[in-house]
PDB file of all heavy atoms in Angstrom:
ATOM      1  N   VAL A   1      45.493  56.485 -18.723  1.00  0.00           N
ATOM      2  CA  VAL A   1      44.624  55.793 -19.686  1.00  0.00           C
ATOM      3  C   VAL A   1      43.160  55.973 -19.300  1.00  0.00           C
ATOM      4  O   VAL A   1      42.298  56.246 -20.144  1.00  0.00           O
ATOM      5  CB  VAL A   1      45.002  54.296 -19.773  1.00  0.00           C
ATOM      6  CG1 VAL A   1      43.942  53.509 -20.523  1.00  0.00           C
ATOM      7  CG2 VAL A   1      46.351  54.127 -20.427  1.00  0.00           C
ATOM      8  N   LEU A   2      42.870  55.834 -18.012  1.00  0.00           N
ATOM      9  CA  LEU A   2      41.496  56.032 -17.544  1.00  0.00           C
ATOM     10  C   LEU A   2      41.040  57.480 -17.718  1.00  0.00           C
ATOM     11  O   LEU A   2      39.909  57.740 -18.138  1.00  0.00           O
ATOM     12  CB  LEU A   2      41.378  55.629 -16.073  1.00  0.00           C
ATOM     13  CG  LEU A   2      41.583  54.157 -15.736  1.00  0.00           C
ATOM     14  CD1 LEU A   2      41.489  53.951 -14.234  1.00  0.00           C
ATOM     15  CD2 LEU A   2      40.579  53.285 -16.458  1.00  0.00           C
ATOM     16  N   LEU A   3      41.930  58.428 -17.406  1.00  0.00           N
ATOM     17  CA  LEU A   3      41.587  59.841 -17.558  1.00  0.00           C
ATOM     18  C   LEU A   3      41.315  60.210 -19.009  1.00  0.00           C
ATOM     19  O   LEU A   3      40.375  60.954 -19.304  1.00  0.00           O
ATOM     20  CB  LEU A   3      42.708  60.712 -16.994  1.00  0.00           C
ATOM     21  CG  LEU A   3      42.809  60.794 -15.478  1.00  0.00           C
ATOM     22  CD1 LEU A   3      44.123  61.443 -15.066  1.00  0.00           C
ATOM     23  CD2 LEU A   3      41.638  61.571 -14.921  1.00  0.00           C
ATOM     24  N   VAL A   4      42.126  59.694 -19.917  1.00  0.00           N
ATOM     25  CA  VAL A   4      41.932  59.980 -21.348  1.00  0.00           C
ATOM     26  C   VAL A   4      40.593  59.426 -21.813  1.00  0.00           C
ATOM     27  O   VAL A   4      39.860  60.077 -22.561  1.00  0.00           O
ATOM     28  CB  VAL A   4      43.106  59.417 -22.177  1.00  0.00           C
ATOM     29  CG1 VAL A   4      42.782  59.423 -23.655  1.00  0.00           C
ATOM     30  CG2 VAL A   4      44.366  60.216 -21.906  1.00  0.00           C
ATOM     31  N   ALA A   5      40.258  58.211 -21.366  1.00  0.00           N
ATOM     32  CA  ALA A   5      38.972  57.620 -21.749  1.00  0.00           C
ATOM     33  C   ALA A   5      37.812  58.471 -21.226  1.00  0.00           C
ATOM     34  O   ALA A   5      36.829  58.692 -21.938  1.00  0.00           O
ATOM     35  CB  ALA A   5      38.876  56.195 -21.215  1.00  0.00           C
ATOM     36  N   ALA A   6      37.926  58.940 -19.998  1.00  0.00           N
ATOM     37  CA  ALA A   6      36.872  59.785 -19.439  1.00  0.00           C
ATOM     38  C   ALA A   6      36.790  61.118 -20.180  1.00  0.00           C
ATOM     39  O   ALA A   6      35.693  61.613 -20.456  1.00  0.00           O
ATOM     40  CB  ALA A   6      37.126  60.020 -17.955  1.00  0.00           C
ATOM     41  N   ASN A   7      37.934  61.702 -20.517  1.00  0.00           N
ATOM     42  CA  ASN A   7      37.942  62.982 -21.243  1.00  0.00           C
ATOM     43  C   ASN A   7      37.420  62.841 -22.659  1.00  0.00           C
ATOM     44  O   ASN A   7      36.892  63.801 -23.225  1.00  0.00           O
ATOM     45  CB  ASN A   7      39.350  63.573 -21.259  1.00  0.00           C
ATOM     46  CG  ASN A   7      39.764  64.102 -19.910  1.00  0.00           C
ATOM     47  OD1 ASN A   7      38.922  64.403 -19.070  1.00  0.00           O
ATOM     48  ND2 ASN A   7      41.063  64.200 -19.685  1.00  0.00           N
ATOM     49  N   ASN A   8      37.547  61.660 -23.245  1.00  0.00           N
ATOM     50  CA  ASN A   8      37.016  61.409 -24.589  1.00  0.00           C
ATOM     51  C   ASN A   8      35.519  61.116 -24.568  1.00  0.00           C
ATOM     52  O   ASN A   8      34.923  60.907 -25.617  1.00  0.00           O
ATOM     53  CB  ASN A   8      37.754  60.256 -25.256  1.00  0.00           C
ATOM     54  CG  ASN A   8      39.149  60.641 -25.672  1.00  0.00           C
ATOM     55  OD1 ASN A   8      39.468  61.820 -25.823  1.00  0.00           O
ATOM     56  ND2 ASN A   8      40.005  59.652 -25.852  1.00  0.00           N
ATOM     57  N   GLY A   9      34.923  61.053 -23.384  1.00  0.00           N
ATOM     58  CA  GLY A   9      33.483  60.847 -23.275  1.00  0.00           C
ATOM     59  C   GLY A   9      33.061  59.396 -23.374  1.00  0.00           C
ATOM     60  O   GLY A   9      31.915  59.115 -23.723  1.00  0.00           O
ATOM     61  N   GLU A  10      33.956  58.474 -23.064  1.00  0.00           N
ATOM     62  CA  GLU A  10      33.597  57.057 -23.118  1.00  0.00           C
ATOM     63  C   GLU A  10      32.813  56.668 -21.869  1.00  0.00           C
ATOM     64  O   GLU A  10      33.142  57.098 -20.775  1.00  0.00           O
ATOM     65  CB  GLU A  10      34.858  56.184 -23.183  1.00  0.00           C
ATOM     66  CG  GLU A  10      35.599  56.273 -24.471  1.00  0.00           C
ATOM     67  CD  GLU A  10      36.754  55.292 -24.507  1.00  0.00           C
ATOM     68  OE1 GLU A  10      36.593  54.158 -23.998  1.00  0.00           O
ATOM     69  OE2 GLU A  10      37.814  55.666 -25.018  1.00  0.00           O
ATOM     70  N   PRO A  11      31.809  55.809 -22.026  1.00  0.00           N
ATOM     71  CA  PRO A  11      31.119  55.307 -20.839  1.00  0.00           C
ATOM     72  C   PRO A  11      31.974  54.258 -20.137  1.00  0.00           C
ATOM     73  O   PRO A  11      32.761  53.554 -20.767  1.00  0.00           O
ATOM     74  CB  PRO A  11      29.846  54.685 -21.413  1.00  0.00           C
ATOM     75  CG  PRO A  11      30.198  54.324 -22.809  1.00  0.00           C
ATOM     76  CD  PRO A  11      31.200  55.347 -23.259  1.00  0.00           C
ATOM     77  N   PHE A  12      31.831  54.162 -18.818  1.00  0.00           N
ATOM     78  CA  PHE A  12      32.562  53.184 -18.015  1.00  0.00           C
ATOM     79  C   PHE A  12      31.597  52.095 -17.551  1.00  0.00           C
ATOM     80  O   PHE A  12      30.446  52.376 -17.222  1.00  0.00           O
ATOM     81  CB  PHE A  12      33.207  53.852 -16.804  1.00  0.00           C
ATOM     82  CG  PHE A  12      34.482  54.565 -17.102  1.00  0.00           C
ATOM     83  CD1 PHE A  12      34.518  55.683 -17.924  1.00  0.00           C
ATOM     84  CD2 PHE A  12      35.675  54.126 -16.565  1.00  0.00           C
ATOM     85  CE1 PHE A  12      35.697  56.350 -18.192  1.00  0.00           C
ATOM     86  CE2 PHE A  12      36.869  54.781 -16.825  1.00  0.00           C
ATOM     87  CZ  PHE A  12      36.876  55.894 -17.645  1.00  0.00           C
ATOM     88  N   ASN A  13      32.080  50.873 -17.511  1.00  0.00           N
ATOM     89  CA  ASN A  13      31.295  49.747 -17.028  1.00  0.00           C
ATOM     90  C   ASN A  13      31.243  49.824 -15.508  1.00  0.00           C
ATOM     91  O   ASN A  13      32.277  49.911 -14.848  1.00  0.00           O
ATOM     92  CB  ASN A  13      31.938  48.434 -17.483  1.00  0.00           C
ATOM     93  CG  ASN A  13      31.110  47.224 -17.130  1.00  0.00           C
ATOM     94  OD1 ASN A  13      30.494  47.155 -16.079  1.00  0.00           O
ATOM     95  ND2 ASN A  13      31.103  46.269 -18.029  1.00  0.00           N
ATOM     96  N   GLN A  14      30.049  49.756 -14.929  1.00  0.00           N
ATOM     97  CA  GLN A  14      29.914  49.879 -13.483  1.00  0.00           C
ATOM     98  C   GLN A  14      30.438  48.654 -12.750  1.00  0.00           C
ATOM     99  O   GLN A  14      30.930  48.758 -11.633  1.00  0.00           O
ATOM    100  CB  GLN A  14      28.455  50.115 -13.106  1.00  0.00           C
ATOM    101  CG  GLN A  14      27.941  51.450 -13.576  1.00  0.00           C
ATOM    102  CD  GLN A  14      26.493  51.675 -13.193  1.00  0.00           C
ATOM    103  OE1 GLN A  14      25.983  51.052 -12.276  1.00  0.00           O
ATOM    104  NE2 GLN A  14      25.824  52.558 -13.908  1.00  0.00           N
ATOM    105  N   GLY A  15      30.376  47.490 -13.373  1.00  0.00           N
ATOM    106  CA  GLY A  15      30.834  46.266 -12.730  1.00  0.00           C
ATOM    107  C   GLY A  15      32.342  46.161 -12.653  1.00  0.00           C
ATOM    108  O   GLY A  15      32.914  45.865 -11.609  1.00  0.00           O
ATOM    109  N   THR A  16      33.007  46.421 -13.780  1.00  0.00           N
ATOM    110  CA  THR A  16      34.458  46.286 -13.833  1.00  0.00           C
ATOM    111  C   THR A  16      35.173  47.596 -13.556  1.00  0.00           C
ATOM    112  O   THR A  16      36.341  47.592 -13.174  1.00  0.00           O
ATOM    113  CB  THR A  16      34.914  45.778 -15.213  1.00  0.00           C
ATOM    114  OG1 THR A  16      34.554  46.735 -16.212  1.00  0.00           O
ATOM    115  CG2 THR A  16      34.299  44.425 -15.530  1.00  0.00           C
ATOM    116  N   GLY A  17      34.506  48.711 -13.791  1.00  0.00           N
ATOM    117  CA  GLY A  17      35.119  50.013 -13.604  1.00  0.00           C
ATOM    118  C   GLY A  17      35.976  50.446 -14.773  1.00  0.00           C
ATOM    119  O   GLY A  17      36.602  51.500 -14.728  1.00  0.00           O
ATOM    120  N   ARG A  18      36.018  49.659 -15.820  1.00  0.00           N
ATOM    121  CA  ARG A  18      36.858  49.964 -16.983  1.00  0.00           C
ATOM    122  C   ARG A  18      36.053  50.678 -18.063  1.00  0.00           C
ATOM    123  O   ARG A  18      34.834  50.512 -18.163  1.00  0.00           O
ATOM    124  CB  ARG A  18      37.439  48.679 -17.580  1.00  0.00           C
ATOM    125  CG  ARG A  18      38.238  47.840 -16.618  1.00  0.00           C
ATOM    126  CD  ARG A  18      39.507  48.568 -16.220  1.00  0.00           C
ATOM    127  NE  ARG A  18      40.247  47.869 -15.196  1.00  0.00           N
ATOM    128  CZ  ARG A  18      41.333  47.151 -15.419  1.00  0.00           C
ATOM    129  NH1 ARG A  18      41.817  47.029 -16.621  1.00  0.00           N
ATOM    130  NH2 ARG A  18      41.947  46.559 -14.414  1.00  0.00           N
ATOM    131  N   PRO A  19      36.734  51.440 -18.927  1.00  0.00           N
ATOM    132  CA  PRO A  19      36.052  52.085 -20.051  1.00  0.00           C
ATOM    133  C   PRO A  19      35.487  51.048 -21.013  1.00  0.00           C
ATOM    134  O   PRO A  19      35.970  49.912 -21.093  1.00  0.00           O
ATOM    135  CB  PRO A  19      37.149  52.901 -20.736  1.00  0.00           C
ATOM    136  CG  PRO A  19      38.255  53.001 -19.753  1.00  0.00           C
ATOM    137  CD  PRO A  19      38.145  51.824 -18.861  1.00  0.00           C
ATOM    138  N   ALA A  20      34.463  51.427 -21.748  1.00  0.00           N
ATOM    139  CA  ALA A  20      33.815  50.511 -22.684  1.00  0.00           C
ATOM    140  C   ALA A  20      34.788  50.033 -23.754  1.00  0.00           C
ATOM    141  O   ALA A  20      34.685  48.897 -24.236  1.00  0.00           O
ATOM    142  CB  ALA A  20      32.613  51.188 -23.328  1.00  0.00           C
ATOM    143  N   SER A  21      35.763  50.857 -24.121  1.00  0.00           N
ATOM    144  CA  SER A  21      36.723  50.465 -25.151  1.00  0.00           C
ATOM    145  C   SER A  21      37.679  49.380 -24.671  1.00  0.00           C
ATOM    146  O   SER A  21      38.334  48.733 -25.473  1.00  0.00           O
ATOM    147  CB  SER A  21      37.529  51.673 -25.613  1.00  0.00           C
ATOM    148  OG  SER A  21      38.285  52.191 -24.534  1.00  0.00           O
ATOM    149  N   HIS A  22      37.757  49.147 -23.362  1.00  0.00           N
ATOM    150  CA  HIS A  22      38.659  48.129 -22.816  1.00  0.00           C
ATOM    151  C   HIS A  22      37.978  46.785 -22.635  1.00  0.00           C
ATOM    152  O   HIS A  22      38.594  45.852 -22.128  1.00  0.00           O
ATOM    153  CB  HIS A  22      39.214  48.584 -21.474  1.00  0.00           C
ATOM    154  CG  HIS A  22      40.151  49.731 -21.591  1.00  0.00           C
ATOM    155  ND1 HIS A  22      41.037  50.056 -20.607  1.00  0.00           N
ATOM    156  CD2 HIS A  22      40.359  50.637 -22.580  1.00  0.00           C
ATOM    157  CE1 HIS A  22      41.735  51.111 -20.981  1.00  0.00           C
ATOM    158  NE2 HIS A  22      41.326  51.488 -22.165  1.00  0.00           N
ATOM    159  N   ALA A  23      36.728  46.678 -23.026  1.00  0.00           N
ATOM    160  CA  ALA A  23      35.998  45.417 -22.870  1.00  0.00           C
ATOM    161  C   ALA A  23      36.581  44.366 -23.807  1.00  0.00           C
ATOM    162  O   ALA A  23      36.993  44.668 -24.928  1.00  0.00           O
ATOM    163  CB  ALA A  23      34.519  45.623 -23.179  1.00  0.00           C
ATOM    164  N   ALA A  24      36.619  43.136 -23.338  1.00  0.00           N
ATOM    165  CA  ALA A  24      37.145  42.033 -24.146  1.00  0.00           C
ATOM    166  C   ALA A  24      36.174  41.743 -25.286  1.00  0.00           C
ATOM    167  O   ALA A  24      34.956  41.705 -25.074  1.00  0.00           O
ATOM    168  CB  ALA A  24      37.320  40.794 -23.287  1.00  0.00           C
ATOM    169  N   PRO A  25      36.694  41.530 -26.481  1.00  0.00           N
ATOM    170  CA  PRO A  25      35.804  41.202 -27.592  1.00  0.00           C
ATOM    171  C   PRO A  25      35.177  39.827 -27.380  1.00  0.00           C
ATOM    172  O   PRO A  25      35.764  38.945 -26.754  1.00  0.00           O
ATOM    173  CB  PRO A  25      36.724  41.205 -28.808  1.00  0.00           C
ATOM    174  CG  PRO A  25      38.084  40.981 -28.255  1.00  0.00           C
ATOM    175  CD  PRO A  25      38.085  41.573 -26.884  1.00  0.00           C
ATOM    176  N   ALA A  26      33.998  39.657 -27.913  1.00  0.00           N
ATOM    177  CA  ALA A  26      33.316  38.371 -27.786  1.00  0.00           C
ATOM    178  C   ALA A  26      34.092  37.305 -28.554  1.00  0.00           C
ATOM    179  O   ALA A  26      34.679  37.560 -29.606  1.00  0.00           O
ATOM    180  CB  ALA A  26      31.905  38.479 -28.335  1.00  0.00           C
ATOM    181  N   ALA A  27      34.097  36.107 -28.016  1.00  0.00           N
ATOM    182  CA  ALA A  27      34.819  35.010 -28.655  1.00  0.00           C
ATOM    183  C   ALA A  27      34.142  34.655 -29.977  1.00  0.00           C
ATOM    184  O   ALA A  27      32.915  34.574 -30.063  1.00  0.00           O
ATOM    185  CB  ALA A  27      34.838  33.796 -27.741  1.00  0.00           C
ATOM    186  N   GLU A  28      34.957  34.448 -31.003  1.00  0.00           N
ATOM    187  CA  GLU A  28      34.402  34.092 -32.301  1.00  0.00           C
ATOM    188  C   GLU A  28      33.913  32.654 -32.317  1.00  0.00           C
ATOM    189  O   GLU A  28      32.963  32.324 -32.997  1.00  0.00           O
ATOM    190  CB  GLU A  28      35.454  34.305 -33.386  1.00  0.00           C
ATOM    191  CG  GLU A  28      35.832  35.743 -33.573  1.00  0.00           C
ATOM    192  CD  GLU A  28      36.895  35.938 -34.620  1.00  0.00           C
ATOM    193  OE1 GLU A  28      37.162  34.992 -35.378  1.00  0.00           O
ATOM    194  OE2 GLU A  28      37.458  37.032 -34.669  1.00  0.00           O
ATOM    195  N   VAL A  29      34.587  31.776 -31.572  1.00  0.00           N
ATOM    196  CA  VAL A  29      34.216  30.368 -31.503  1.00  0.00           C
ATOM    197  C   VAL A  29      33.800  30.067 -30.072  1.00  0.00           C
ATOM    198  O   VAL A  29      34.552  30.327 -29.133  1.00  0.00           O
ATOM    199  CB  VAL A  29      35.400  29.459 -31.914  1.00  0.00           C
ATOM    200  CG1 VAL A  29      35.021  27.999 -31.819  1.00  0.00           C
ATOM    201  CG2 VAL A  29      35.871  29.804 -33.310  1.00  0.00           C
ATOM    202  N   THR A  30      32.610  29.521 -29.906  1.00  0.00           N
ATOM    203  CA  THR A  30      32.166  29.175 -28.563  1.00  0.00           C
ATOM    204  C   THR A  30      32.893  27.928 -28.085  1.00  0.00           C
ATOM    205  O   THR A  30      33.482  27.182 -28.869  1.00  0.00           O
ATOM    206  CB  THR A  30      30.651  28.902 -28.536  1.00  0.00           C
ATOM    207  OG1 THR A  30      30.374  27.750 -29.324  1.00  0.00           O
ATOM    208  CG2 THR A  30      29.869  30.106 -29.048  1.00  0.00           C
ATOM    209  N   TRP A  31      32.848  27.700 -26.798  1.00  0.00           N
ATOM    210  CA  TRP A  31      33.501  26.541 -26.203  1.00  0.00           C
ATOM    211  C   TRP A  31      32.933  25.255 -26.787  1.00  0.00           C
ATOM    212  O   TRP A  31      33.666  24.332 -27.107  1.00  0.00           O
ATOM    213  CB  TRP A  31      33.295  26.574 -24.690  1.00  0.00           C
ATOM    214  CG  TRP A  31      33.892  25.413 -23.990  1.00  0.00           C
ATOM    215  CD1 TRP A  31      35.180  25.296 -23.573  1.00  0.00           C
ATOM    216  CD2 TRP A  31      33.245  24.191 -23.641  1.00  0.00           C
ATOM    217  NE1 TRP A  31      35.370  24.076 -22.978  1.00  0.00           N
ATOM    218  CE2 TRP A  31      34.195  23.378 -23.006  1.00  0.00           C
ATOM    219  CE3 TRP A  31      31.956  23.700 -23.800  1.00  0.00           C
ATOM    220  CZ2 TRP A  31      33.891  22.111 -22.526  1.00  0.00           C
ATOM    221  CZ3 TRP A  31      31.658  22.444 -23.325  1.00  0.00           C
ATOM    222  CH2 TRP A  31      32.622  21.662 -22.701  1.00  0.00           C
ATOM    223  N   TYR A  32      31.629  25.193 -26.927  1.00  0.00           N
ATOM    224  CA  TYR A  32      30.966  23.997 -27.454  1.00  0.00           C
ATOM    225  C   TYR A  32      31.403  23.708 -28.891  1.00  0.00           C
ATOM    226  O   TYR A  32      31.704  22.564 -29.238  1.00  0.00           O
ATOM    227  CB  TYR A  32      29.452  24.173 -27.371  1.00  0.00           C
ATOM    228  CG  TYR A  32      28.674  22.966 -27.825  1.00  0.00           C
ATOM    229  CD1 TYR A  32      28.627  21.824 -27.043  1.00  0.00           C
ATOM    230  CD2 TYR A  32      27.992  22.966 -29.040  1.00  0.00           C
ATOM    231  CE1 TYR A  32      27.917  20.709 -27.454  1.00  0.00           C
ATOM    232  CE2 TYR A  32      27.285  21.869 -29.463  1.00  0.00           C
ATOM    233  CZ  TYR A  32      27.245  20.735 -28.658  1.00  0.00           C
ATOM    234  OH  TYR A  32      26.545  19.630 -29.074  1.00  0.00           O
ATOM    235  N   ASP A  33      31.462  24.739 -29.738  1.00  0.00           N
ATOM    236  CA  ASP A  33      31.907  24.549 -31.118  1.00  0.00           C
ATOM    237  C   ASP A  33      33.360  24.087 -31.173  1.00  0.00           C
ATOM    238  O   ASP A  33      33.728  23.248 -31.996  1.00  0.00           O
ATOM    239  CB  ASP A  33      31.751  25.843 -31.922  1.00  0.00           C
ATOM    240  CG  ASP A  33      30.301  26.169 -32.193  1.00  0.00           C
ATOM    241  OD1 ASP A  33      29.478  25.234 -32.224  1.00  0.00           O
ATOM    242  OD2 ASP A  33      29.998  27.368 -32.377  1.00  0.00           O
ATOM    243  N   PHE A  34      34.191  24.622 -30.292  1.00  0.00           N
ATOM    244  CA  PHE A  34      35.589  24.201 -30.239  1.00  0.00           C
ATOM    245  C   PHE A  34      35.695  22.713 -29.905  1.00  0.00           C
ATOM    246  O   PHE A  34      36.461  21.979 -30.517  1.00  0.00           O
ATOM    247  CB  PHE A  34      36.352  25.030 -29.205  1.00  0.00           C
ATOM    248  CG  PHE A  34      37.744  24.541 -28.959  1.00  0.00           C
ATOM    249  CD1 PHE A  34      38.751  24.800 -29.861  1.00  0.00           C
ATOM    250  CD2 PHE A  34      38.036  23.798 -27.832  1.00  0.00           C
ATOM    251  CE1 PHE A  34      40.036  24.338 -29.651  1.00  0.00           C
ATOM    252  CE2 PHE A  34      39.319  23.323 -27.598  1.00  0.00           C
ATOM    253  CZ  PHE A  34      40.319  23.591 -28.521  1.00  0.00           C
ATOM    254  N   VAL A  35      34.918  22.261 -28.923  1.00  0.00           N
ATOM    255  CA  VAL A  35      34.949  20.849 -28.525  1.00  0.00           C
ATOM    256  C   VAL A  35      34.485  19.965 -29.671  1.00  0.00           C
ATOM    257  O   VAL A  35      35.081  18.905 -29.949  1.00  0.00           O
ATOM    258  CB  VAL A  35      34.095  20.615 -27.261  1.00  0.00           C
ATOM    259  CG1 VAL A  35      33.913  19.125 -26.988  1.00  0.00           C
ATOM    260  CG2 VAL A  35      34.738  21.287 -26.073  1.00  0.00           C
ATOM    261  N   LEU A  36      33.449  20.349 -30.362  1.00  0.00           N
ATOM    262  CA  LEU A  36      32.964  19.555 -31.501  1.00  0.00           C
ATOM    263  C   LEU A  36      34.020  19.447 -32.593  1.00  0.00           C
ATOM    264  O   LEU A  36      34.255  18.359 -33.145  1.00  0.00           O
ATOM    265  CB  LEU A  36      31.683  20.157 -32.077  1.00  0.00           C
ATOM    266  CG  LEU A  36      30.432  20.021 -31.216  1.00  0.00           C
ATOM    267  CD1 LEU A  36      29.252  20.701 -31.908  1.00  0.00           C
ATOM    268  CD2 LEU A  36      30.109  18.565 -30.941  1.00  0.00           C
ATOM    269  N   ARG A  37      34.685  20.531 -32.891  1.00  0.00           N
ATOM    270  CA  ARG A  37      35.746  20.498 -33.909  1.00  0.00           C
ATOM    271  C   ARG A  37      36.910  19.624 -33.457  1.00  0.00           C
ATOM    272  O   ARG A  37      37.484  18.885 -34.261  1.00  0.00           O
ATOM    273  CB  ARG A  37      36.248  21.911 -34.194  1.00  0.00           C
ATOM    274  CG  ARG A  37      35.249  22.764 -34.911  1.00  0.00           C
ATOM    275  CD  ARG A  37      35.786  24.163 -35.116  1.00  0.00           C
ATOM    276  NE  ARG A  37      34.771  25.047 -35.648  1.00  0.00           N
ATOM    277  CZ  ARG A  37      34.938  26.338 -35.807  1.00  0.00           C
ATOM    278  NH1 ARG A  37      36.076  26.905 -35.477  1.00  0.00           N
ATOM    279  NH2 ARG A  37      33.970  27.070 -36.303  1.00  0.00           N
ATOM    280  N   TYR A  38      37.262  19.696 -32.182  1.00  0.00           N
ATOM    281  CA  TYR A  38      38.365  18.898 -31.653  1.00  0.00           C
ATOM    282  C   TYR A  38      38.039  17.408 -31.732  1.00  0.00           C
ATOM    283  O   TYR A  38      38.867  16.599 -32.153  1.00  0.00           O
ATOM    284  CB  TYR A  38      38.644  19.305 -30.207  1.00  0.00           C
ATOM    285  CG  TYR A  38      39.781  18.540 -29.573  1.00  0.00           C
ATOM    286  CD1 TYR A  38      41.094  18.899 -29.835  1.00  0.00           C
ATOM    287  CD2 TYR A  38      39.543  17.456 -28.732  1.00  0.00           C
ATOM    288  CE1 TYR A  38      42.150  18.208 -29.261  1.00  0.00           C
ATOM    289  CE2 TYR A  38      40.584  16.761 -28.156  1.00  0.00           C
ATOM    290  CZ  TYR A  38      41.885  17.141 -28.433  1.00  0.00           C
ATOM    291  OH  TYR A  38      42.919  16.453 -27.878  1.00  0.00           O
ATOM    292  N   VAL A  39      36.843  17.021 -31.344  1.00  0.00           N
ATOM    293  CA  VAL A  39      36.440  15.610 -31.400  1.00  0.00           C
ATOM    294  C   VAL A  39      36.412  15.120 -32.842  1.00  0.00           C
ATOM    295  O   VAL A  39      36.879  14.012 -33.134  1.00  0.00           O
ATOM    296  CB  VAL A  39      35.068  15.419 -30.713  1.00  0.00           C
ATOM    297  CG1 VAL A  39      34.510  14.030 -30.991  1.00  0.00           C
ATOM    298  CG2 VAL A  39      35.193  15.654 -29.222  1.00  0.00           C
ATOM    299  N   ASP A  40      35.900  15.922 -33.743  1.00  0.00           N
ATOM    300  CA  ASP A  40      35.893  15.526 -35.160  1.00  0.00           C
ATOM    301  C   ASP A  40      37.301  15.334 -35.689  1.00  0.00           C
ATOM    302  O   ASP A  40      37.564  14.419 -36.479  1.00  0.00           O
ATOM    303  CB  ASP A  40      35.161  16.574 -36.005  1.00  0.00           C
ATOM    304  CG  ASP A  40      33.664  16.563 -35.777  1.00  0.00           C
ATOM    305  OD1 ASP A  40      33.164  15.536 -35.260  1.00  0.00           O
ATOM    306  OD2 ASP A  40      33.009  17.574 -36.097  1.00  0.00           O
TER     307      ASP A  40
END
């Protein structure tokens, strides 16, 4: 999987060492918004 990502020309994250395509998507709901909805 790592070799294929490198051969496809994907950049790798220096901190995690993983390809950019393996990065976790940003959360749609922040923690604070979740708490507000839960309390309501």
